[in-house]
Amino acid sequence: MTAQHTPGPWRVEEDRRSDYDIFTGRWDGPEYTAGWNVESDSGEVIGTEGIIPSNAAEANARLIAASPELLAALEALHAFAAQTCGGMAWHYADQDAAKLAESVIAKARGLS
């Protein structure tokens, strides 16, 4: 199945803002970080995290940005384990890990 999401890699960029000065009609106040954008290599904003900057908001943005690579790695490991362990036999070696991998892949692909 081909990816339906924006292809990775994705990156995290600070969402820098400045305040609007009603007297000058310009955005020339002091700059501040309004949150973090998750962007594709082409600059498309995939999502934003955190209206008020926090360590958790930045960590969330970084995890979101790693999602395409995490999915690709999980799919590769799942395929490798199935092939290396003799087809479906690896399910019996660690059923919980196999079920978790299959569930997460299905969730990411919109199949669950």
PDB file of N, CA and C in Angstrom:
ATOM      1  N   MET A   1       0.843  -1.177   0.000  1.00  0.00           N
ATOM      2  CA  MET A   1       0.000   0.000   0.000  1.00  0.00           C
ATOM      3  C   MET A   1       0.888   1.241   0.000  1.00  0.00           C
ATOM      4  N   THR A   2       0.577   2.205  -0.813  1.00  0.00           N
ATOM      5  CA  THR A   2       1.358   3.439  -0.846  1.00  0.00           C
ATOM      6  C   THR A   2       0.901   4.370   0.270  1.00  0.00           C
ATOM      7  N   ALA A   3       1.817   5.200   0.703  1.00  0.00           N
ATOM      8  CA  ALA A   3       1.522   6.129   1.795  1.00  0.00           C
ATOM      9  C   ALA A   3       0.452   7.124   1.384  1.00  0.00           C
ATOM     10  N   GLN A   4      -0.484   7.356   2.274  1.00  0.00           N
ATOM     11  CA  GLN A   4      -1.500   8.360   2.034  1.00  0.00           C
ATOM     12  C   GLN A   4      -1.175   9.655   2.770  1.00  0.00           C
ATOM     13  N   HIS A   5      -0.179   9.599   3.593  1.00  0.00           N
ATOM     14  CA  HIS A   5       0.243  10.795   4.324  1.00  0.00           C
ATOM     15  C   HIS A   5       1.290  11.538   3.497  1.00  0.00           C
ATOM     16  N   THR A   6       1.588  12.737   3.893  1.00  0.00           N
ATOM     17  CA  THR A   6       2.650  13.494   3.236  1.00  0.00           C
ATOM     18  C   THR A   6       3.963  12.757   3.457  1.00  0.00           C
ATOM     19  N   PRO A   7       4.698  12.464   2.393  1.00  0.00           N
ATOM     20  CA  PRO A   7       5.944  11.713   2.556  1.00  0.00           C
ATOM     21  C   PRO A   7       6.927  12.441   3.470  1.00  0.00           C
ATOM     22  N   GLY A   8       7.676  11.663   4.229  1.00  0.00           N
ATOM     23  CA  GLY A   8       8.715  12.216   5.076  1.00  0.00           C
ATOM     24  C   GLY A   8       9.968  12.436   4.261  1.00  0.00           C
ATOM     25  N   PRO A   9      11.013  12.939   4.849  1.00  0.00           N
ATOM     26  CA  PRO A   9      11.085  13.250   6.271  1.00  0.00           C
ATOM     27  C   PRO A   9      10.380  14.554   6.619  1.00  0.00           C
ATOM     28  N   TRP A  10       9.992  14.630   7.872  1.00  0.00           N
ATOM     29  CA  TRP A  10       9.388  15.846   8.407  1.00  0.00           C
ATOM     30  C   TRP A  10      10.373  16.463   9.383  1.00  0.00           C
ATOM     31  N   ARG A  11      10.207  17.753   9.646  1.00  0.00           N
ATOM     32  CA  ARG A  11      11.099  18.438  10.589  1.00  0.00           C
ATOM     33  C   ARG A  11      10.262  19.355  11.482  1.00  0.00           C
ATOM     34  N   VAL A  12      10.868  19.782  12.570  1.00  0.00           N
ATOM     35  CA  VAL A  12      10.216  20.692  13.516  1.00  0.00           C
ATOM     36  C   VAL A  12      10.826  22.075  13.345  1.00  0.00           C
ATOM     37  N   GLU A  13       9.982  23.065  13.190  1.00  0.00           N
ATOM     38  CA  GLU A  13      10.419  24.454  13.078  1.00  0.00           C
ATOM     39  C   GLU A  13       9.665  25.285  14.118  1.00  0.00           C
ATOM     40  N   GLU A  14      10.378  26.191  14.748  1.00  0.00           N
ATOM     41  CA  GLU A  14       9.713  27.109  15.674  1.00  0.00           C
ATOM     42  C   GLU A  14       8.720  27.976  14.910  1.00  0.00           C
ATOM     43  N   ASP A  15       7.561  28.174  15.489  1.00  0.00           N
ATOM     44  CA  ASP A  15       6.570  29.087  14.921  1.00  0.00           C
ATOM     45  C   ASP A  15       6.820  30.444  15.572  1.00  0.00           C
ATOM     46  N   ARG A  16       7.621  31.264  14.890  1.00  0.00           N
ATOM     47  CA  ARG A  16       8.014  32.572  15.434  1.00  0.00           C
ATOM     48  C   ARG A  16       6.961  33.603  15.077  1.00  0.00           C
ATOM     49  N   ARG A  17       6.580  34.389  16.028  1.00  0.00           N
ATOM     50  CA  ARG A  17       5.567  35.425  15.830  1.00  0.00           C
ATOM     51  C   ARG A  17       6.047  36.723  16.455  1.00  0.00           C
ATOM     52  N   SER A  18       5.397  37.793  16.053  1.00  0.00           N
ATOM     53  CA  SER A  18       5.603  39.072  16.731  1.00  0.00           C
ATOM     54  C   SER A  18       4.235  39.709  16.900  1.00  0.00           C
ATOM     55  N   ASP A  19       4.147  40.587  17.863  1.00  0.00           N
ATOM     56  CA  ASP A  19       2.865  41.228  18.150  1.00  0.00           C
ATOM     57  C   ASP A  19       2.546  42.308  17.125  1.00  0.00           C
ATOM     58  N   TYR A  20       1.267  42.480  16.886  1.00  0.00           N
ATOM     59  CA  TYR A  20       0.789  43.514  15.965  1.00  0.00           C
ATOM     60  C   TYR A  20       0.728  44.842  16.711  1.00  0.00           C
ATOM     61  N   ASP A  21       1.354  45.843  16.148  1.00  0.00           N
ATOM     62  CA  ASP A  21       1.356  47.172  16.754  1.00  0.00           C
ATOM     63  C   ASP A  21       0.224  47.983  16.117  1.00  0.00           C
ATOM     64  N   ILE A  22      -0.817  48.270  16.882  1.00  0.00           N
ATOM     65  CA  ILE A  22      -1.974  48.972  16.313  1.00  0.00           C
ATOM     66  C   ILE A  22      -1.647  50.411  15.907  1.00  0.00           C
ATOM     67  N   PHE A  23      -0.590  50.970  16.468  1.00  0.00           N
ATOM     68  CA  PHE A  23      -0.244  52.352  16.142  1.00  0.00           C
ATOM     69  C   PHE A  23       0.514  52.452  14.813  1.00  0.00           C
ATOM     70  N   THR A  24       1.369  51.467  14.529  1.00  0.00           N
ATOM     71  CA  THR A  24       2.134  51.496  13.281  1.00  0.00           C
ATOM     72  C   THR A  24       1.479  50.658  12.188  1.00  0.00           C
ATOM     73  N   GLY A  25       0.564  49.765  12.592  1.00  0.00           N
ATOM     74  CA  GLY A  25      -0.071  48.880  11.627  1.00  0.00           C
ATOM     75  C   GLY A  25       0.863  47.803  11.110  1.00  0.00           C
ATOM     76  N   ARG A  26       1.871  47.466  11.897  1.00  0.00           N
ATOM     77  CA  ARG A  26       2.840  46.453  11.470  1.00  0.00           C
ATOM     78  C   ARG A  26       3.009  45.405  12.571  1.00  0.00           C
ATOM     79  N   TRP A  27       3.488  44.253  12.123  1.00  0.00           N
ATOM     80  CA  TRP A  27       3.848  43.187  13.056  1.00  0.00           C
ATOM     81  C   TRP A  27       5.297  43.418  13.468  1.00  0.00           C
ATOM     82  N   ASP A  28       5.528  44.347  14.373  1.00  0.00           N
ATOM     83  CA  ASP A  28       6.907  44.685  14.711  1.00  0.00           C
ATOM     84  C   ASP A  28       7.201  44.624  16.201  1.00  0.00           C
ATOM     85  N   GLY A  29       6.358  43.929  16.930  1.00  0.00           N
ATOM     86  CA  GLY A  29       6.650  43.762  18.348  1.00  0.00           C
ATOM     87  C   GLY A  29       7.779  42.770  18.537  1.00  0.00           C
ATOM     88  N   PRO A  30       8.151  42.520  19.766  1.00  0.00           N
ATOM     89  CA  PRO A  30       9.221  41.553  20.011  1.00  0.00           C
ATOM     90  C   PRO A  30       8.798  40.153  19.561  1.00  0.00           C
ATOM     91  N   GLU A  31       9.740  39.437  18.944  1.00  0.00           N
ATOM     92  CA  GLU A  31       9.437  38.084  18.493  1.00  0.00           C
ATOM     93  C   GLU A  31       9.346  37.138  19.680  1.00  0.00           C
ATOM     94  N   TYR A  32       8.503  36.120  19.530  1.00  0.00           N
ATOM     95  CA  TYR A  32       8.387  35.089  20.544  1.00  0.00           C
ATOM     96  C   TYR A  32       8.023  33.779  19.847  1.00  0.00           C
ATOM     97  N   THR A  33       8.229  32.685  20.547  1.00  0.00           N
ATOM     98  CA  THR A  33       7.877  31.378  20.011  1.00  0.00           C
ATOM     99  C   THR A  33       6.433  31.090  20.374  1.00  0.00           C
ATOM    100  N   ALA A  34       5.594  30.892  19.343  1.00  0.00           N
ATOM    101  CA  ALA A  34       4.180  30.624  19.574  1.00  0.00           C
ATOM    102  C   ALA A  34       3.903  29.131  19.660  1.00  0.00           C
ATOM    103  N   GLY A  35       4.855  28.327  19.306  1.00  0.00           N
ATOM    104  CA  GLY A  35       4.695  26.873  19.302  1.00  0.00           C
ATOM    105  C   GLY A  35       5.648  26.286  18.286  1.00  0.00           C
ATOM    106  N   TRP A  36       5.322  25.100  17.802  1.00  0.00           N
ATOM    107  CA  TRP A  36       6.175  24.430  16.837  1.00  0.00           C
ATOM    108  C   TRP A  36       5.346  23.919  15.680  1.00  0.00           C
ATOM    109  N   ASN A  37       5.888  24.072  14.468  1.00  0.00           N
ATOM    110  CA  ASN A  37       5.264  23.514  13.277  1.00  0.00           C
ATOM    111  C   ASN A  37       6.020  22.258  12.881  1.00  0.00           C
ATOM    112  N   VAL A  38       5.275  21.256  12.444  1.00  0.00           N
ATOM    113  CA  VAL A  38       5.864  20.073  11.832  1.00  0.00           C
ATOM    114  C   VAL A  38       5.708  20.277  10.335  1.00  0.00           C
ATOM    115  N   GLU A  39       6.834  20.301   9.607  1.00  0.00           N
ATOM    116  CA  GLU A  39       6.824  20.644   8.183  1.00  0.00           C
ATOM    117  C   GLU A  39       7.496  19.551   7.364  1.00  0.00           C
ATOM    118  N   SER A  40       7.031  19.415   6.111  1.00  0.00           N
ATOM    119  CA  SER A  40       7.683  18.510   5.162  1.00  0.00           C
ATOM    120  C   SER A  40       8.906  19.215   4.583  1.00  0.00           C
ATOM    121  N   ASP A  41       9.698  18.468   3.812  1.00  0.00           N
ATOM    122  CA  ASP A  41      10.863  19.073   3.166  1.00  0.00           C
ATOM    123  C   ASP A  41      10.476  20.179   2.205  1.00  0.00           C
ATOM    124  N   SER A  42       9.244  20.109   1.662  1.00  0.00           N
ATOM    125  CA  SER A  42       8.801  21.144   0.728  1.00  0.00           C
ATOM    126  C   SER A  42       8.250  22.376   1.456  1.00  0.00           C
ATOM    127  N   GLY A  43       8.208  22.330   2.794  1.00  0.00           N
ATOM    128  CA  GLY A  43       7.724  23.462   3.579  1.00  0.00           C
ATOM    129  C   GLY A  43       6.244  23.390   3.921  1.00  0.00           C
ATOM    130  N   GLU A  44       5.570  22.314   3.502  1.00  0.00           N
ATOM    131  CA  GLU A  44       4.155  22.146   3.844  1.00  0.00           C
ATOM    132  C   GLU A  44       4.016  21.920   5.347  1.00  0.00           C
ATOM    133  N   VAL A  45       3.113  22.661   5.986  1.00  0.00           N
ATOM    134  CA  VAL A  45       2.884  22.486   7.421  1.00  0.00           C
ATOM    135  C   VAL A  45       1.978  21.270   7.610  1.00  0.00           C
ATOM    136  N   ILE A  46       2.511  20.255   8.271  1.00  0.00           N
ATOM    137  CA  ILE A  46       1.786  19.017   8.542  1.00  0.00           C
ATOM    138  C   ILE A  46       0.873  19.223   9.743  1.00  0.00           C
ATOM    139  N   GLY A  47       1.357  19.947  10.714  1.00  0.00           N
ATOM    140  CA  GLY A  47       0.589  20.196  11.921  1.00  0.00           C
ATOM    141  C   GLY A  47       1.329  21.164  12.820  1.00  0.00           C
ATOM    142  N   THR A  48       0.650  21.586  13.852  1.00  0.00           N
ATOM    143  CA  THR A  48       1.269  22.476  14.838  1.00  0.00           C
ATOM    144  C   THR A  48       1.064  21.882  16.216  1.00  0.00           C
ATOM    145  N   GLU A  49       1.936  22.225  17.116  1.00  0.00           N
ATOM    146  CA  GLU A  49       1.851  21.719  18.469  1.00  0.00           C
ATOM    147  C   GLU A  49       2.192  22.843  19.430  1.00  0.00           C
ATOM    148  N   GLY A  50       1.285  23.101  20.342  1.00  0.00           N
ATOM    149  CA  GLY A  50       1.555  24.057  21.398  1.00  0.00           C
ATOM    150  C   GLY A  50       1.277  25.488  21.028  1.00  0.00           C
ATOM    151  N   ILE A  51       0.265  26.065  21.608  1.00  0.00           N
ATOM    152  CA  ILE A  51      -0.003  27.485  21.424  1.00  0.00           C
ATOM    153  C   ILE A  51       0.890  28.267  22.365  1.00  0.00           C
ATOM    154  N   ILE A  52       1.104  27.719  23.535  1.00  0.00           N
ATOM    155  CA  ILE A  52       2.028  28.306  24.495  1.00  0.00           C
ATOM    156  C   ILE A  52       3.204  27.342  24.588  1.00  0.00           C
ATOM    157  N   PRO A  53       4.411  27.790  24.302  1.00  0.00           N
ATOM    158  CA  PRO A  53       5.561  26.889  24.294  1.00  0.00           C
ATOM    159  C   PRO A  53       5.735  26.161  25.623  1.00  0.00           C
ATOM    160  N   SER A  54       6.047  24.901  25.514  1.00  0.00           N
ATOM    161  CA  SER A  54       6.364  24.104  26.692  1.00  0.00           C
ATOM    162  C   SER A  54       7.265  22.968  26.245  1.00  0.00           C
ATOM    163  N   ASN A  55       7.913  22.340  27.203  1.00  0.00           N
ATOM    164  CA  ASN A  55       8.764  21.199  26.874  1.00  0.00           C
ATOM    165  C   ASN A  55       7.940  20.077  26.269  1.00  0.00           C
ATOM    166  N   ALA A  56       6.728  19.849  26.788  1.00  0.00           N
ATOM    167  CA  ALA A  56       5.882  18.779  26.262  1.00  0.00           C
ATOM    168  C   ALA A  56       5.451  19.073  24.833  1.00  0.00           C
ATOM    169  N   ALA A  57       5.114  20.314  24.518  1.00  0.00           N
ATOM    170  CA  ALA A  57       4.691  20.660  23.160  1.00  0.00           C
ATOM    171  C   ALA A  57       5.826  20.438  22.175  1.00  0.00           C
ATOM    172  N   GLU A  58       7.023  20.809  22.530  1.00  0.00           N
ATOM    173  CA  GLU A  58       8.162  20.600  21.633  1.00  0.00           C
ATOM    174  C   GLU A  58       8.443  19.107  21.476  1.00  0.00           C
ATOM    175  N   ALA A  59       8.385  18.356  22.570  1.00  0.00           N
ATOM    176  CA  ALA A  59       8.605  16.910  22.504  1.00  0.00           C
ATOM    177  C   ALA A  59       7.537  16.239  21.635  1.00  0.00           C
ATOM    178  N   ASN A  60       6.289  16.678  21.756  1.00  0.00           N
ATOM    179  CA  ASN A  60       5.209  16.136  20.931  1.00  0.00           C
ATOM    180  C   ASN A  60       5.477  16.419  19.456  1.00  0.00           C
ATOM    181  N   ALA A  61       5.898  17.627  19.147  1.00  0.00           N
ATOM    182  CA  ALA A  61       6.182  18.001  17.757  1.00  0.00           C
ATOM    183  C   ALA A  61       7.313  17.145  17.198  1.00  0.00           C
ATOM    184  N   ARG A  62       8.327  16.893  17.994  1.00  0.00           N
ATOM    185  CA  ARG A  62       9.442  16.069  17.528  1.00  0.00           C
ATOM    186  C   ARG A  62       9.010  14.624  17.286  1.00  0.00           C
ATOM    187  N   LEU A  63       8.143  14.089  18.141  1.00  0.00           N
ATOM    188  CA  LEU A  63       7.627  12.736  17.951  1.00  0.00           C
ATOM    189  C   LEU A  63       6.772  12.664  16.683  1.00  0.00           C
ATOM    190  N   ILE A  64       5.931  13.665  16.474  1.00  0.00           N
ATOM    191  CA  ILE A  64       5.109  13.711  15.262  1.00  0.00           C
ATOM    192  C   ILE A  64       6.007  13.776  14.026  1.00  0.00           C
ATOM    193  N   ALA A  65       7.050  14.585  14.085  1.00  0.00           N
ATOM    194  CA  ALA A  65       7.953  14.730  12.946  1.00  0.00           C
ATOM    195  C   ALA A  65       8.674  13.424  12.625  1.00  0.00           C
ATOM    196  N   ALA A  66       8.899  12.578  13.620  1.00  0.00           N
ATOM    197  CA  ALA A  66       9.583  11.299  13.402  1.00  0.00           C
ATOM    198  C   ALA A  66       8.645  10.210  12.892  1.00  0.00           C
ATOM    199  N   SER A  67       7.348  10.475  12.842  1.00  0.00           N
ATOM    200  CA  SER A  67       6.357   9.446  12.504  1.00  0.00           C
ATOM    201  C   SER A  67       6.600   8.717  11.191  1.00  0.00           C
ATOM    202  N   PRO A  68       6.894   9.388  10.081  1.00  0.00           N
ATOM    203  CA  PRO A  68       7.112   8.631   8.839  1.00  0.00           C
ATOM    204  C   PRO A  68       8.266   7.629   8.951  1.00  0.00           C
ATOM    205  N   GLU A  69       9.361   8.051   9.576  1.00  0.00           N
ATOM    206  CA  GLU A  69      10.501   7.154   9.738  1.00  0.00           C
ATOM    207  C   GLU A  69      10.194   6.024  10.719  1.00  0.00           C
ATOM    208  N   LEU A  70       9.449   6.324  11.781  1.00  0.00           N
ATOM    209  CA  LEU A  70       9.071   5.292  12.741  1.00  0.00           C
ATOM    210  C   LEU A  70       8.195   4.228  12.085  1.00  0.00           C
ATOM    211  N   LEU A  71       7.238   4.660  11.262  1.00  0.00           N
ATOM    212  CA  LEU A  71       6.374   3.706  10.560  1.00  0.00           C
ATOM    213  C   LEU A  71       7.192   2.846   9.605  1.00  0.00           C
ATOM    214  N   ALA A  72       8.077   3.467   8.845  1.00  0.00           N
ATOM    215  CA  ALA A  72       8.912   2.710   7.906  1.00  0.00           C
ATOM    216  C   ALA A  72       9.792   1.702   8.649  1.00  0.00           C
ATOM    217  N   ALA A  73      10.362   2.104   9.772  1.00  0.00           N
ATOM    218  CA  ALA A  73      11.209   1.205  10.554  1.00  0.00           C
ATOM    219  C   ALA A  73      10.398   0.039  11.113  1.00  0.00           C
ATOM    220  N   LEU A  74       9.207   0.314  11.628  1.00  0.00           N
ATOM    221  CA  LEU A  74       8.371  -0.747  12.184  1.00  0.00           C
ATOM    222  C   LEU A  74       7.951  -1.730  11.098  1.00  0.00           C
ATOM    223  N   GLU A  75       7.577  -1.219   9.924  1.00  0.00           N
ATOM    224  CA  GLU A  75       7.198  -2.105   8.825  1.00  0.00           C
ATOM    225  C   GLU A  75       8.380  -2.969   8.384  1.00  0.00           C
ATOM    226  N   ALA A  76       9.571  -2.384   8.327  1.00  0.00           N
ATOM    227  CA  ALA A  76      10.761  -3.143   7.931  1.00  0.00           C
ATOM    228  C   ALA A  76      11.094  -4.215   8.963  1.00  0.00           C
ATOM    229  N   LEU A  77      11.043  -3.866  10.248  1.00  0.00           N
ATOM    230  CA  LEU A  77      11.322  -4.841  11.300  1.00  0.00           C
ATOM    231  C   LEU A  77      10.281  -5.956  11.316  1.00  0.00           C
ATOM    232  N   HIS A  78       9.023  -5.599  11.112  1.00  0.00           N
ATOM    233  CA  HIS A  78       7.940  -6.593  11.076  1.00  0.00           C
ATOM    234  C   HIS A  78       8.176  -7.573   9.928  1.00  0.00           C
ATOM    235  N   ALA A  79       8.502  -7.063   8.755  1.00  0.00           N
ATOM    236  CA  ALA A  79       8.752  -7.920   7.595  1.00  0.00           C
ATOM    237  C   ALA A  79       9.990  -8.784   7.818  1.00  0.00           C
ATOM    238  N   PHE A  80      11.036  -8.196   8.384  1.00  0.00           N
ATOM    239  CA  PHE A  80      12.271  -8.935   8.654  1.00  0.00           C
ATOM    240  C   PHE A  80      12.015 -10.070   9.643  1.00  0.00           C
ATOM    241  N   ALA A  81      11.310  -9.778  10.714  1.00  0.00           N
ATOM    242  CA  ALA A  81      11.028 -10.798  11.726  1.00  0.00           C
ATOM    243  C   ALA A  81      10.193 -11.932  11.137  1.00  0.00           C
ATOM    244  N   ALA A  82       9.204 -11.602  10.345  1.00  0.00           N
ATOM    245  CA  ALA A  82       8.358 -12.629   9.735  1.00  0.00           C
ATOM    246  C   ALA A  82       9.177 -13.503   8.787  1.00  0.00           C
ATOM    247  N   GLN A  83      10.066 -12.894   8.012  1.00  0.00           N
ATOM    248  CA  GLN A  83      10.877 -13.636   7.046  1.00  0.00           C
ATOM    249  C   GLN A  83      11.962 -14.460   7.744  1.00  0.00           C
ATOM    250  N   THR A  84      12.636 -13.851   8.695  1.00  0.00           N
ATOM    251  CA  THR A  84      13.747 -14.501   9.384  1.00  0.00           C
ATOM    252  C   THR A  84      13.285 -15.671  10.249  1.00  0.00           C
ATOM    253  N   CYS A  85      12.130 -15.521  10.853  1.00  0.00           N
ATOM    254  CA  CYS A  85      11.640 -16.545  11.785  1.00  0.00           C
ATOM    255  C   CYS A  85      10.748 -17.572  11.097  1.00  0.00           C
ATOM    256  N   GLY A  86      10.872 -17.713   9.801  1.00  0.00           N
ATOM    257  CA  GLY A  86      10.126 -18.752   9.099  1.00  0.00           C
ATOM    258  C   GLY A  86       8.665 -18.415   8.897  1.00  0.00           C
ATOM    259  N   GLY A  87       8.404 -17.328   8.234  1.00  0.00           N
ATOM    260  CA  GLY A  87       7.016 -16.964   7.940  1.00  0.00           C
ATOM    261  C   GLY A  87       6.290 -16.500   9.183  1.00  0.00           C
ATOM    262  N   MET A  88       5.176 -17.143   9.478  1.00  0.00           N
ATOM    263  CA  MET A  88       4.327 -16.714  10.592  1.00  0.00           C
ATOM    264  C   MET A  88       4.778 -17.298  11.932  1.00  0.00           C
ATOM    265  N   ALA A  89       5.814 -18.145  11.929  1.00  0.00           N
ATOM    266  CA  ALA A  89       6.252 -18.777  13.180  1.00  0.00           C
ATOM    267  C   ALA A  89       6.677 -17.764  14.229  1.00  0.00           C
ATOM    268  N   TRP A  90       7.132 -16.607  13.792  1.00  0.00           N
ATOM    269  CA  TRP A  90       7.596 -15.611  14.771  1.00  0.00           C
ATOM    270  C   TRP A  90       6.462 -15.107  15.633  1.00  0.00           C
ATOM    271  N   HIS A  91       5.226 -15.211  15.158  1.00  0.00           N
ATOM    272  CA  HIS A  91       4.079 -14.797  15.977  1.00  0.00           C
ATOM    273  C   HIS A  91       4.037 -15.588  17.281  1.00  0.00           C
ATOM    274  N   TYR A  92       4.455 -16.843  17.215  1.00  0.00           N
ATOM    275  CA  TYR A  92       4.410 -17.670  18.408  1.00  0.00           C
ATOM    276  C   TYR A  92       5.563 -17.371  19.352  1.00  0.00           C
ATOM    277  N   ALA A  93       6.646 -16.834  18.813  1.00  0.00           N
ATOM    278  CA  ALA A  93       7.791 -16.480  19.651  1.00  0.00           C
ATOM    279  C   ALA A  93       7.466 -15.293  20.548  1.00  0.00           C
ATOM    280  N   ASP A  94       6.787 -14.294  20.016  1.00  0.00           N
ATOM    281  CA  ASP A  94       6.423 -13.110  20.809  1.00  0.00           C
ATOM    282  C   ASP A  94       5.113 -12.549  20.259  1.00  0.00           C
ATOM    283  N   GLN A  95       4.019 -13.201  20.618  1.00  0.00           N
ATOM    284  CA  GLN A  95       2.707 -12.798  20.102  1.00  0.00           C
ATOM    285  C   GLN A  95       2.356 -11.364  20.460  1.00  0.00           C
ATOM    286  N   ASP A  96       2.693 -10.931  21.656  1.00  0.00           N
ATOM    287  CA  ASP A  96       2.345  -9.569  22.060  1.00  0.00           C
ATOM    288  C   ASP A  96       3.022  -8.532  21.179  1.00  0.00           C
ATOM    289  N   ALA A  97       4.314  -8.737  20.899  1.00  0.00           N
ATOM    290  CA  ALA A  97       5.041  -7.787  20.050  1.00  0.00           C
ATOM    291  C   ALA A  97       4.499  -7.809  18.632  1.00  0.00           C
ATOM    292  N   ALA A  98       4.199  -8.993  18.126  1.00  0.00           N
ATOM    293  CA  ALA A  98       3.663  -9.107  16.765  1.00  0.00           C
ATOM    294  C   ALA A  98       2.310  -8.409  16.655  1.00  0.00           C
ATOM    295  N   LYS A  99       1.446  -8.640  17.617  1.00  0.00           N
ATOM    296  CA  LYS A  99       0.112  -8.021  17.597  1.00  0.00           C
ATOM    297  C   LYS A  99       0.216  -6.503  17.731  1.00  0.00           C
ATOM    298  N   LEU A 100       1.116  -6.049  18.587  1.00  0.00           N
ATOM    299  CA  LEU A 100       1.299  -4.608  18.762  1.00  0.00           C
ATOM    300  C   LEU A 100       1.798  -3.980  17.469  1.00  0.00           C
ATOM    301  N   ALA A 101       2.793  -4.601  16.825  1.00  0.00           N
ATOM    302  CA  ALA A 101       3.324  -4.067  15.565  1.00  0.00           C
ATOM    303  C   ALA A 101       2.229  -4.004  14.505  1.00  0.00           C
ATOM    304  N   GLU A 102       1.470  -5.078  14.362  1.00  0.00           N
ATOM    305  CA  GLU A 102       0.405  -5.118  13.360  1.00  0.00           C
ATOM    306  C   GLU A 102      -0.677  -4.092  13.664  1.00  0.00           C
ATOM    307  N   SER A 103      -0.997  -3.913  14.936  1.00  0.00           N
ATOM    308  CA  SER A 103      -2.013  -2.935  15.329  1.00  0.00           C
ATOM    309  C   SER A 103      -1.579  -1.512  15.037  1.00  0.00           C
ATOM    310  N   VAL A 104      -0.325  -1.192  15.350  1.00  0.00           N
ATOM    311  CA  VAL A 104       0.193   0.152  15.126  1.00  0.00           C
ATOM    312  C   VAL A 104       0.295   0.455  13.631  1.00  0.00           C
ATOM    313  N   ILE A 105       0.748  -0.509  12.850  1.00  0.00           N
ATOM    314  CA  ILE A 105       0.830  -0.320  11.397  1.00  0.00           C
ATOM    315  C   ILE A 105      -0.562  -0.086  10.823  1.00  0.00           C
ATOM    316  N   ALA A 106      -1.534  -0.884  11.248  1.00  0.00           N
ATOM    317  CA  ALA A 106      -2.911  -0.724  10.770  1.00  0.00           C
ATOM    318  C   ALA A 106      -3.472   0.645  11.160  1.00  0.00           C
ATOM    319  N   LYS A 107      -3.190   1.079  12.376  1.00  0.00           N
ATOM    320  CA  LYS A 107      -3.658   2.389  12.837  1.00  0.00           C
ATOM    321  C   LYS A 107      -3.056   3.503  11.994  1.00  0.00           C
ATOM    322  N   ALA A 108      -1.762   3.424  11.729  1.00  0.00           N
ATOM    323  CA  ALA A 108      -1.087   4.457  10.932  1.00  0.00           C
ATOM    324  C   ALA A 108      -1.580   4.477   9.488  1.00  0.00           C
ATOM    325  N   ARG A 109      -1.974   3.325   8.984  1.00  0.00           N
ATOM    326  CA  ARG A 109      -2.450   3.218   7.596  1.00  0.00           C
ATOM    327  C   ARG A 109      -3.964   3.477   7.471  1.00  0.00           C
ATOM    328  N   GLY A 110      -4.623   3.739   8.611  1.00  0.00           N
ATOM    329  CA  GLY A 110      -6.067   4.004   8.574  1.00  0.00           C
ATOM    330  C   GLY A 110      -6.904   2.764   8.371  1.00  0.00           C
ATOM    331  N   LEU A 111      -6.373   1.620   8.779  1.00  0.00           N
ATOM    332  CA  LEU A 111      -7.066   0.350   8.581  1.00  0.00           C
ATOM    333  C   LEU A 111      -7.728  -0.156   9.855  1.00  0.00           C
ATOM    334  N   SER A 112      -7.648   0.611  10.921  1.00  0.00           N
ATOM    335  CA  SER A 112      -8.302   0.177  12.168  1.00  0.00           C
ATOM    336  C   SER A 112      -9.018   1.329  12.825  1.00  0.00           C
TER     337      SER A 112
END
